[in-house]
Amino acid sequence: MASINISLPDLMRDYVQERIERGQYASASDYFRDLIARDQRAVENEERWLRELDASISGSLAEMNAGGGVALDVACGEVLAEIEGARRQSRA
């Protein structure tokens, strides 16, 4: 296993040491391995989310180009009409 030396401000070093003393990590190396693994998962999740968003946008554009979908002003008008109807019912 390779090693890396890092420098930390005293407050950060103390924080890591407190986590170790509370039994949350066995060592500073354990803490940093966990931190890196969490960062890797976060990056992977963000990349997956962006791929899914791109696919959704592409699918929506293809649907709109094929004559499907609903124009934004029509959709907004329908939502506003539903809100207004619900407001009128709540007053009655």
PDB file of N, CA and C in Angstrom:
ATOM      1  N   MET A   1       0.851  -1.169   0.000  1.00  0.00           N
ATOM      2  CA  MET A   1       0.000   0.000   0.000  1.00  0.00           C
ATOM      3  C   MET A   1       0.899   1.234   0.000  1.00  0.00           C
ATOM      4  N   ALA A   2       0.549   2.209  -0.834  1.00  0.00           N
ATOM      5  CA  ALA A   2       1.323   3.448  -0.928  1.00  0.00           C
ATOM      6  C   ALA A   2       0.971   4.374   0.230  1.00  0.00           C
ATOM      7  N   SER A   3       1.851   5.302   0.505  1.00  0.00           N
ATOM      8  CA  SER A   3       1.570   6.278   1.553  1.00  0.00           C
ATOM      9  C   SER A   3       1.716   7.683   0.989  1.00  0.00           C
ATOM     10  N   ILE A   4       0.975   8.594   1.619  1.00  0.00           N
ATOM     11  CA  ILE A   4       1.006  10.015   1.256  1.00  0.00           C
ATOM     12  C   ILE A   4       1.162  10.794   2.553  1.00  0.00           C
ATOM     13  N   ASN A   5       2.024  11.765   2.557  1.00  0.00           N
ATOM     14  CA  ASN A   5       2.161  12.652   3.707  1.00  0.00           C
ATOM     15  C   ASN A   5       1.406  13.933   3.414  1.00  0.00           C
ATOM     16  N   ILE A   6       0.606  14.382   4.384  1.00  0.00           N
ATOM     17  CA  ILE A   6      -0.128  15.628   4.212  1.00  0.00           C
ATOM     18  C   ILE A   6       0.109  16.520   5.424  1.00  0.00           C
ATOM     19  N   SER A   7      -0.051  17.806   5.205  1.00  0.00           N
ATOM     20  CA  SER A   7       0.046  18.773   6.289  1.00  0.00           C
ATOM     21  C   SER A   7      -1.341  19.331   6.551  1.00  0.00           C
ATOM     22  N   LEU A   8      -1.677  19.459   7.821  1.00  0.00           N
ATOM     23  CA  LEU A   8      -2.981  19.981   8.214  1.00  0.00           C
ATOM     24  C   LEU A   8      -2.797  21.109   9.220  1.00  0.00           C
ATOM     25  N   PRO A   9      -3.701  22.086   9.196  1.00  0.00           N
ATOM     26  CA  PRO A   9      -3.696  23.071  10.281  1.00  0.00           C
ATOM     27  C   PRO A   9      -4.006  22.340  11.598  1.00  0.00           C
ATOM     28  N   ASP A  10      -3.568  22.899  12.691  1.00  0.00           N
ATOM     29  CA  ASP A  10      -3.744  22.264  13.995  1.00  0.00           C
ATOM     30  C   ASP A  10      -5.204  21.911  14.272  1.00  0.00           C
ATOM     31  N   LEU A  11      -6.133  22.804  13.929  1.00  0.00           N
ATOM     32  CA  LEU A  11      -7.552  22.538  14.211  1.00  0.00           C
ATOM     33  C   LEU A  11      -8.050  21.305  13.460  1.00  0.00           C
ATOM     34  N   MET A  12      -7.618  21.133  12.229  1.00  0.00           N
ATOM     35  CA  MET A  12      -8.024  19.955  11.466  1.00  0.00           C
ATOM     36  C   MET A  12      -7.380  18.692  12.034  1.00  0.00           C
ATOM     37  N   ARG A  13      -6.127  18.762  12.371  1.00  0.00           N
ATOM     38  CA  ARG A  13      -5.443  17.614  12.975  1.00  0.00           C
ATOM     39  C   ARG A  13      -6.141  17.210  14.261  1.00  0.00           C
ATOM     40  N   ASP A  14      -6.491  18.211  15.095  1.00  0.00           N
ATOM     41  CA  ASP A  14      -7.180  17.936  16.353  1.00  0.00           C
ATOM     42  C   ASP A  14      -8.545  17.293  16.104  1.00  0.00           C
ATOM     43  N   TYR A  15      -9.231  17.748  15.081  1.00  0.00           N
ATOM     44  CA  TYR A  15     -10.539  17.187  14.744  1.00  0.00           C
ATOM     45  C   TYR A  15     -10.413  15.700  14.388  1.00  0.00           C
ATOM     46  N   VAL A  16      -9.458  15.389  13.535  1.00  0.00           N
ATOM     47  CA  VAL A  16      -9.232  13.988  13.154  1.00  0.00           C
ATOM     48  C   VAL A  16      -8.885  13.174  14.392  1.00  0.00           C
ATOM     49  N   GLN A  17      -8.042  13.690  15.239  1.00  0.00           N
ATOM     50  CA  GLN A  17      -7.635  12.974  16.448  1.00  0.00           C
ATOM     51  C   GLN A  17      -8.834  12.737  17.364  1.00  0.00           C
ATOM     52  N   GLU A  18      -9.727  13.714  17.475  1.00  0.00           N
ATOM     53  CA  GLU A  18     -10.932  13.544  18.297  1.00  0.00           C
ATOM     54  C   GLU A  18     -11.805  12.419  17.756  1.00  0.00           C
ATOM     55  N   ARG A  19     -11.932  12.337  16.454  1.00  0.00           N
ATOM     56  CA  ARG A  19     -12.739  11.266  15.845  1.00  0.00           C
ATOM     57  C   ARG A  19     -12.122   9.902  16.158  1.00  0.00           C
ATOM     58  N   ILE A  20     -10.815   9.839  16.154  1.00  0.00           N
ATOM     59  CA  ILE A  20     -10.118   8.592  16.473  1.00  0.00           C
ATOM     60  C   ILE A  20     -10.328   8.246  17.948  1.00  0.00           C
ATOM     61  N   GLU A  21     -10.179   9.229  18.825  1.00  0.00           N
ATOM     62  CA  GLU A  21     -10.327   8.997  20.264  1.00  0.00           C
ATOM     63  C   GLU A  21     -11.748   8.595  20.632  1.00  0.00           C
ATOM     64  N   ARG A  22     -12.737   9.064  19.885  1.00  0.00           N
ATOM     65  CA  ARG A  22     -14.131   8.674  20.137  1.00  0.00           C
ATOM     66  C   ARG A  22     -14.455   7.296  19.570  1.00  0.00           C
ATOM     67  N   GLY A  23     -13.478   6.687  18.918  1.00  0.00           N
ATOM     68  CA  GLY A  23     -13.679   5.343  18.391  1.00  0.00           C
ATOM     69  C   GLY A  23     -14.352   5.292  17.036  1.00  0.00           C
ATOM     70  N   GLN A  24     -14.484   6.435  16.379  1.00  0.00           N
ATOM     71  CA  GLN A  24     -15.137   6.450  15.078  1.00  0.00           C
ATOM     72  C   GLN A  24     -14.202   5.962  13.971  1.00  0.00           C
ATOM     73  N   TYR A  25     -12.920   6.078  14.211  1.00  0.00           N
ATOM     74  CA  TYR A  25     -11.907   5.610  13.263  1.00  0.00           C
ATOM     75  C   TYR A  25     -10.763   4.994  14.054  1.00  0.00           C
ATOM     76  N   ALA A  26     -10.112   4.020  13.428  1.00  0.00           N
ATOM     77  CA  ALA A  26      -8.994   3.347  14.089  1.00  0.00           C
ATOM     78  C   ALA A  26      -7.716   4.158  14.000  1.00  0.00           C
ATOM     79  N   SER A  27      -7.600   4.982  12.948  1.00  0.00           N
ATOM     80  CA  SER A  27      -6.370   5.747  12.736  1.00  0.00           C
ATOM     81  C   SER A  27      -6.656   6.904  11.787  1.00  0.00           C
ATOM     82  N   ALA A  28      -5.680   7.791  11.652  1.00  0.00           N
ATOM     83  CA  ALA A  28      -5.818   8.885  10.686  1.00  0.00           C
ATOM     84  C   ALA A  28      -5.936   8.322   9.274  1.00  0.00           C
ATOM     85  N   SER A  29      -5.208   7.271   8.981  1.00  0.00           N
ATOM     86  CA  SER A  29      -5.290   6.648   7.661  1.00  0.00           C
ATOM     87  C   SER A  29      -6.699   6.139   7.389  1.00  0.00           C
ATOM     88  N   ASP A  30      -7.307   5.522   8.397  1.00  0.00           N
ATOM     89  CA  ASP A  30      -8.672   5.020   8.271  1.00  0.00           C
ATOM     90  C   ASP A  30      -9.626   6.174   7.987  1.00  0.00           C
ATOM     91  N   TYR A  31      -9.452   7.277   8.707  1.00  0.00           N
ATOM     92  CA  TYR A  31     -10.293   8.463   8.502  1.00  0.00           C
ATOM     93  C   TYR A  31     -10.173   8.962   7.065  1.00  0.00           C
ATOM     94  N   PHE A  32      -8.955   9.116   6.580  1.00  0.00           N
ATOM     95  CA  PHE A  32      -8.768   9.666   5.234  1.00  0.00           C
ATOM     96  C   PHE A  32      -9.218   8.692   4.144  1.00  0.00           C
ATOM     97  N   ARG A  33      -9.069   7.391   4.372  1.00  0.00           N
ATOM     98  CA  ARG A  33      -9.588   6.421   3.398  1.00  0.00           C
ATOM     99  C   ARG A  33     -11.104   6.547   3.295  1.00  0.00           C
ATOM    100  N   ASP A  34     -11.774   6.692   4.452  1.00  0.00           N
ATOM    101  CA  ASP A  34     -13.233   6.857   4.448  1.00  0.00           C
ATOM    102  C   ASP A  34     -13.637   8.156   3.765  1.00  0.00           C
ATOM    103  N   LEU A  35     -12.912   9.215   4.047  1.00  0.00           N
ATOM    104  CA  LEU A  35     -13.203  10.506   3.437  1.00  0.00           C
ATOM    105  C   LEU A  35     -13.083  10.436   1.915  1.00  0.00           C
ATOM    106  N   ILE A  36     -12.054   9.798   1.416  1.00  0.00           N
ATOM    107  CA  ILE A  36     -11.849   9.658  -0.026  1.00  0.00           C
ATOM    108  C   ILE A  36     -12.941   8.784  -0.635  1.00  0.00           C
ATOM    109  N   ALA A  37     -13.300   7.693   0.043  1.00  0.00           N
ATOM    110  CA  ALA A  37     -14.360   6.814  -0.471  1.00  0.00           C
ATOM    111  C   ALA A  37     -15.681   7.556  -0.563  1.00  0.00           C
ATOM    112  N   ARG A  38     -15.991   8.380   0.434  1.00  0.00           N
ATOM    113  CA  ARG A  38     -17.229   9.180   0.400  1.00  0.00           C
ATOM    114  C   ARG A  38     -17.190  10.172  -0.757  1.00  0.00           C
ATOM    115  N   ASP A  39     -16.053  10.798  -0.978  1.00  0.00           N
ATOM    116  CA  ASP A  39     -15.914  11.742  -2.080  1.00  0.00           C
ATOM    117  C   ASP A  39     -16.090  11.037  -3.420  1.00  0.00           C
ATOM    118  N   GLN A  40     -15.510   9.850  -3.547  1.00  0.00           N
ATOM    119  CA  GLN A  40     -15.658   9.097  -4.790  1.00  0.00           C
ATOM    120  C   GLN A  40     -17.125   8.772  -5.056  1.00  0.00           C
ATOM    121  N   ARG A  41     -17.854   8.343  -4.016  1.00  0.00           N
ATOM    122  CA  ARG A  41     -19.286   8.045  -4.191  1.00  0.00           C
ATOM    123  C   ARG A  41     -20.063   9.290  -4.576  1.00  0.00           C
ATOM    124  N   ALA A  42     -19.739  10.418  -3.960  1.00  0.00           N
ATOM    125  CA  ALA A  42     -20.440  11.667  -4.286  1.00  0.00           C
ATOM    126  C   ALA A  42     -20.212  12.052  -5.748  1.00  0.00           C
ATOM    127  N   VAL A  43     -18.985  11.924  -6.216  1.00  0.00           N
ATOM    128  CA  VAL A  43     -18.673  12.247  -7.615  1.00  0.00           C
ATOM    129  C   VAL A  43     -19.403  11.287  -8.549  1.00  0.00           C
ATOM    130  N   GLU A  44     -19.400   9.997  -8.220  1.00  0.00           N
ATOM    131  CA  GLU A  44     -20.102   9.013  -9.044  1.00  0.00           C
ATOM    132  C   GLU A  44     -21.600   9.299  -9.083  1.00  0.00           C
ATOM    133  N   ASN A  45     -22.189   9.655  -7.941  1.00  0.00           N
ATOM    134  CA  ASN A  45     -23.614   9.972  -7.890  1.00  0.00           C
ATOM    135  C   ASN A  45     -23.935  11.207  -8.724  1.00  0.00           C
ATOM    136  N   GLU A  46     -23.086  12.214  -8.651  1.00  0.00           N
ATOM    137  CA  GLU A  46     -23.300  13.431  -9.442  1.00  0.00           C
ATOM    138  C   GLU A  46     -23.196  13.125 -10.928  1.00  0.00           C
ATOM    139  N   GLU A  47     -22.204  12.332 -11.312  1.00  0.00           N
ATOM    140  CA  GLU A  47     -22.045  11.980 -12.722  1.00  0.00           C
ATOM    141  C   GLU A  47     -23.242  11.176 -13.219  1.00  0.00           C
ATOM    142  N   ARG A  48     -23.755  10.245 -12.395  1.00  0.00           N
ATOM    143  CA  ARG A  48     -24.933   9.460 -12.765  1.00  0.00           C
ATOM    144  C   ARG A  48     -26.143  10.375 -12.930  1.00  0.00           C
ATOM    145  N   TRP A  49     -26.319  11.297 -11.988  1.00  0.00           N
ATOM    146  CA  TRP A  49     -27.436  12.229 -12.041  1.00  0.00           C
ATOM    147  C   TRP A  49     -27.375  13.067 -13.324  1.00  0.00           C
ATOM    148  N   LEU A  50     -26.178  13.538 -13.673  1.00  0.00           N
ATOM    149  CA  LEU A  50     -26.039  14.335 -14.888  1.00  0.00           C
ATOM    150  C   LEU A  50     -26.330  13.511 -16.145  1.00  0.00           C
ATOM    151  N   ARG A  51     -25.885  12.249 -16.172  1.00  0.00           N
ATOM    152  CA  ARG A  51     -26.201  11.379 -17.316  1.00  0.00           C
ATOM    153  C   ARG A  51     -27.706  11.170 -17.436  1.00  0.00           C
ATOM    154  N   GLU A  52     -28.373  10.934 -16.302  1.00  0.00           N
ATOM    155  CA  GLU A  52     -29.820  10.734 -16.313  1.00  0.00           C
ATOM    156  C   GLU A  52     -30.544  12.007 -16.738  1.00  0.00           C
ATOM    157  N   LEU A  53     -30.056  13.154 -16.291  1.00  0.00           N
ATOM    158  CA  LEU A  53     -30.653  14.427 -16.694  1.00  0.00           C
ATOM    159  C   LEU A  53     -30.489  14.639 -18.191  1.00  0.00           C
ATOM    160  N   ASP A  54     -29.295  14.392 -18.712  1.00  0.00           N
ATOM    161  CA  ASP A  54     -29.059  14.515 -20.157  1.00  0.00           C
ATOM    162  C   ASP A  54     -29.989  13.603 -20.939  1.00  0.00           C
ATOM    163  N   ALA A  55     -30.155  12.370 -20.486  1.00  0.00           N
ATOM    164  CA  ALA A  55     -31.039  11.422 -21.173  1.00  0.00           C
ATOM    165  C   ALA A  55     -32.479  11.903 -21.127  1.00  0.00           C
ATOM    166  N   SER A  56     -32.893  12.439 -20.000  1.00  0.00           N
ATOM    167  CA  SER A  56     -34.257  12.948 -19.859  1.00  0.00           C
ATOM    168  C   SER A  56     -34.496  14.130 -20.789  1.00  0.00           C
ATOM    169  N   ILE A  57     -33.535  15.034 -20.841  1.00  0.00           N
ATOM    170  CA  ILE A  57     -33.662  16.202 -21.722  1.00  0.00           C
ATOM    171  C   ILE A  57     -33.698  15.749 -23.185  1.00  0.00           C
ATOM    172  N   SER A  58     -32.810  14.827 -23.542  1.00  0.00           N
ATOM    173  CA  SER A  58     -32.788  14.322 -24.920  1.00  0.00           C
ATOM    174  C   SER A  58     -34.113  13.667 -25.276  1.00  0.00           C
ATOM    175  N   GLY A  59     -34.645  12.882 -24.360  1.00  0.00           N
ATOM    176  CA  GLY A  59     -35.933  12.231 -24.598  1.00  0.00           C
ATOM    177  C   GLY A  59     -37.055  13.240 -24.750  1.00  0.00           C
ATOM    178  N   SER A  60     -37.054  14.251 -23.924  1.00  0.00           N
ATOM    179  CA  SER A  60     -38.087  15.291 -24.001  1.00  0.00           C
ATOM    180  C   SER A  60     -37.987  16.070 -25.305  1.00  0.00           C
ATOM    181  N   LEU A  61     -36.767  16.393 -25.714  1.00  0.00           N
ATOM    182  CA  LEU A  61     -36.588  17.107 -26.983  1.00  0.00           C
ATOM    183  C   LEU A  61     -37.048  16.259 -28.157  1.00  0.00           C
ATOM    184  N   ALA A  62     -36.738  14.969 -28.123  1.00  0.00           N
ATOM    185  CA  ALA A  62     -37.175  14.078 -29.203  1.00  0.00           C
ATOM    186  C   ALA A  62     -38.697  14.015 -29.244  1.00  0.00           C
ATOM    187  N   GLU A  63     -39.326  13.943 -28.079  1.00  0.00           N
ATOM    188  CA  GLU A  63     -40.794  13.915 -28.016  1.00  0.00           C
ATOM    189  C   GLU A  63     -41.386  15.210 -28.572  1.00  0.00           C
ATOM    190  N   MET A  64     -40.807  16.344 -28.175  1.00  0.00           N
ATOM    191  CA  MET A  64     -41.308  17.638 -28.665  1.00  0.00           C
ATOM    192  C   MET A  64     -41.113  17.750 -30.179  1.00  0.00           C
ATOM    193  N   ASN A  65     -39.968  17.307 -30.694  1.00  0.00           N
ATOM    194  CA  ASN A  65     -39.701  17.367 -32.132  1.00  0.00           C
ATOM    195  C   ASN A  65     -40.632  16.459 -32.924  1.00  0.00           C
ATOM    196  N   ALA A  66     -41.145  15.411 -32.279  1.00  0.00           N
ATOM    197  CA  ALA A  66     -42.062  14.483 -32.942  1.00  0.00           C
ATOM    198  C   ALA A  66     -43.508  14.958 -32.809  1.00  0.00           C
ATOM    199  N   GLY A  67     -43.688  16.140 -32.236  1.00  0.00           N
ATOM    200  CA  GLY A  67     -45.037  16.696 -32.130  1.00  0.00           C
ATOM    201  C   GLY A  67     -45.729  16.384 -30.818  1.00  0.00           C
ATOM    202  N   GLY A  68     -45.037  15.749 -29.898  1.00  0.00           N
ATOM    203  CA  GLY A  68     -45.633  15.418 -28.607  1.00  0.00           C
ATOM    204  C   GLY A  68     -45.354  16.494 -27.586  1.00  0.00           C
ATOM    205  N   GLY A  69     -45.752  16.203 -26.389  1.00  0.00           N
ATOM    206  CA  GLY A  69     -45.490  17.137 -25.300  1.00  0.00           C
ATOM    207  C   GLY A  69     -46.523  18.248 -25.238  1.00  0.00           C
ATOM    208  N   VAL A  70     -46.311  19.141 -24.308  1.00  0.00           N
ATOM    209  CA  VAL A  70     -47.216  20.262 -24.088  1.00  0.00           C
ATOM    210  C   VAL A  70     -46.383  21.527 -24.015  1.00  0.00           C
ATOM    211  N   ALA A  71     -46.828  22.580 -24.668  1.00  0.00           N
ATOM    212  CA  ALA A  71     -46.119  23.863 -24.625  1.00  0.00           C
ATOM    213  C   ALA A  71     -46.102  24.379 -23.185  1.00  0.00           C
ATOM    214  N   LEU A  72     -45.032  25.032 -22.817  1.00  0.00           N
ATOM    215  CA  LEU A  72     -44.858  25.505 -21.444  1.00  0.00           C
ATOM    216  C   LEU A  72     -45.981  26.438 -21.020  1.00  0.00           C
ATOM    217  N   ASP A  73     -46.383  27.360 -21.895  1.00  0.00           N
ATOM    218  CA  ASP A  73     -47.434  28.297 -21.505  1.00  0.00           C
ATOM    219  C   ASP A  73     -48.758  27.572 -21.270  1.00  0.00           C
ATOM    220  N   VAL A  74     -49.028  26.527 -22.020  1.00  0.00           N
ATOM    221  CA  VAL A  74     -50.247  25.743 -21.819  1.00  0.00           C
ATOM    222  C   VAL A  74     -50.171  24.985 -20.495  1.00  0.00           C
ATOM    223  N   ALA A  75     -49.047  24.352 -20.231  1.00  0.00           N
ATOM    224  CA  ALA A  75     -48.874  23.600 -18.986  1.00  0.00           C
ATOM    225  C   ALA A  75     -48.989  24.524 -17.778  1.00  0.00           C
ATOM    226  N   CYS A  76     -48.352  25.685 -17.850  1.00  0.00           N
ATOM    227  CA  CYS A  76     -48.425  26.642 -16.737  1.00  0.00           C
ATOM    228  C   CYS A  76     -49.847  27.136 -16.539  1.00  0.00           C
ATOM    229  N   GLY A  77     -50.539  27.384 -17.634  1.00  0.00           N
ATOM    230  CA  GLY A  77     -51.937  27.824 -17.546  1.00  0.00           C
ATOM    231  C   GLY A  77     -52.807  26.782 -16.863  1.00  0.00           C
ATOM    232  N   GLU A  78     -52.581  25.502 -17.185  1.00  0.00           N
ATOM    233  CA  GLU A  78     -53.351  24.426 -16.558  1.00  0.00           C
ATOM    234  C   GLU A  78     -53.052  24.338 -15.066  1.00  0.00           C
ATOM    235  N   VAL A  79     -51.796  24.460 -14.697  1.00  0.00           N
ATOM    236  CA  VAL A  79     -51.421  24.402 -13.281  1.00  0.00           C
ATOM    237  C   VAL A  79     -52.030  25.576 -12.531  1.00  0.00           C
ATOM    238  N   LEU A  80     -51.950  26.763 -13.096  1.00  0.00           N
ATOM    239  CA  LEU A  80     -52.530  27.937 -12.435  1.00  0.00           C
ATOM    240  C   LEU A  80     -54.041  27.793 -12.297  1.00  0.00           C
ATOM    241  N   ALA A  81     -54.709  27.235 -13.296  1.00  0.00           N
ATOM    242  CA  ALA A  81     -56.155  27.018 -13.219  1.00  0.00           C
ATOM    243  C   ALA A  81     -56.490  26.026 -12.107  1.00  0.00           C
ATOM    244  N   GLU A  82     -55.678  24.973 -11.960  1.00  0.00           N
ATOM    245  CA  GLU A  82     -55.898  24.004 -10.878  1.00  0.00           C
ATOM    246  C   GLU A  82     -55.715  24.661  -9.517  1.00  0.00           C
ATOM    247  N   ILE A  83     -54.710  25.500  -9.389  1.00  0.00           N
ATOM    248  CA  ILE A  83     -54.467  26.201  -8.122  1.00  0.00           C
ATOM    249  C   ILE A  83     -55.629  27.123  -7.800  1.00  0.00           C
ATOM    250  N   GLU A  84     -56.086  27.845  -8.784  1.00  0.00           N
ATOM    251  CA  GLU A  84     -57.216  28.762  -8.590  1.00  0.00           C
ATOM    252  C   GLU A  84     -58.474  27.981  -8.211  1.00  0.00           C
ATOM    253  N   GLY A  85     -58.710  26.850  -8.853  1.00  0.00           N
ATOM    254  CA  GLY A  85     -59.864  26.021  -8.515  1.00  0.00           C
ATOM    255  C   GLY A  85     -59.790  25.507  -7.078  1.00  0.00           C
ATOM    256  N   ALA A  86     -58.622  25.051  -6.670  1.00  0.00           N
ATOM    257  CA  ALA A  86     -58.442  24.565  -5.306  1.00  0.00           C
ATOM    258  C   ALA A  86     -58.642  25.692  -4.307  1.00  0.00           C
ATOM    259  N   ARG A  87     -58.175  26.881  -4.640  1.00  0.00           N
ATOM    260  CA  ARG A  87     -58.346  28.028  -3.738  1.00  0.00           C
ATOM    261  C   ARG A  87     -59.819  28.381  -3.586  1.00  0.00           C
ATOM    262  N   ARG A  88     -60.567  28.333  -4.688  1.00  0.00           N
ATOM    263  CA  ARG A  88     -61.996  28.634  -4.643  1.00  0.00           C
ATOM    264  C   ARG A  88     -62.737  27.596  -3.803  1.00  0.00           C
ATOM    265  N   GLN A  89     -62.349  26.324  -3.935  1.00  0.00           N
ATOM    266  CA  GLN A  89     -63.005  25.271  -3.159  1.00  0.00           C
ATOM    267  C   GLN A  89     -62.720  25.427  -1.675  1.00  0.00           C
ATOM    268  N   SER A  90     -61.514  25.854  -1.323  1.00  0.00           N
ATOM    269  CA  SER A  90     -61.177  26.001   0.088  1.00  0.00           C
ATOM    270  C   SER A  90     -61.919  27.168   0.724  1.00  0.00           C
ATOM    271  N   ARG A  91     -62.315  28.146  -0.079  1.00  0.00           N
ATOM    272  CA  ARG A  91     -63.057  29.304   0.445  1.00  0.00           C
ATOM    273  C   ARG A  91     -64.540  28.994   0.609  1.00  0.00           C
ATOM    274  N   ALA A  92     -65.004  27.979  -0.108  1.00  0.00           N
ATOM    275  CA  ALA A  92     -66.445  27.671  -0.087  1.00  0.00           C
ATOM    276  C   ALA A  92     -66.849  26.871   1.126  1.00  0.00           C
TER     277      ALA A  92
END
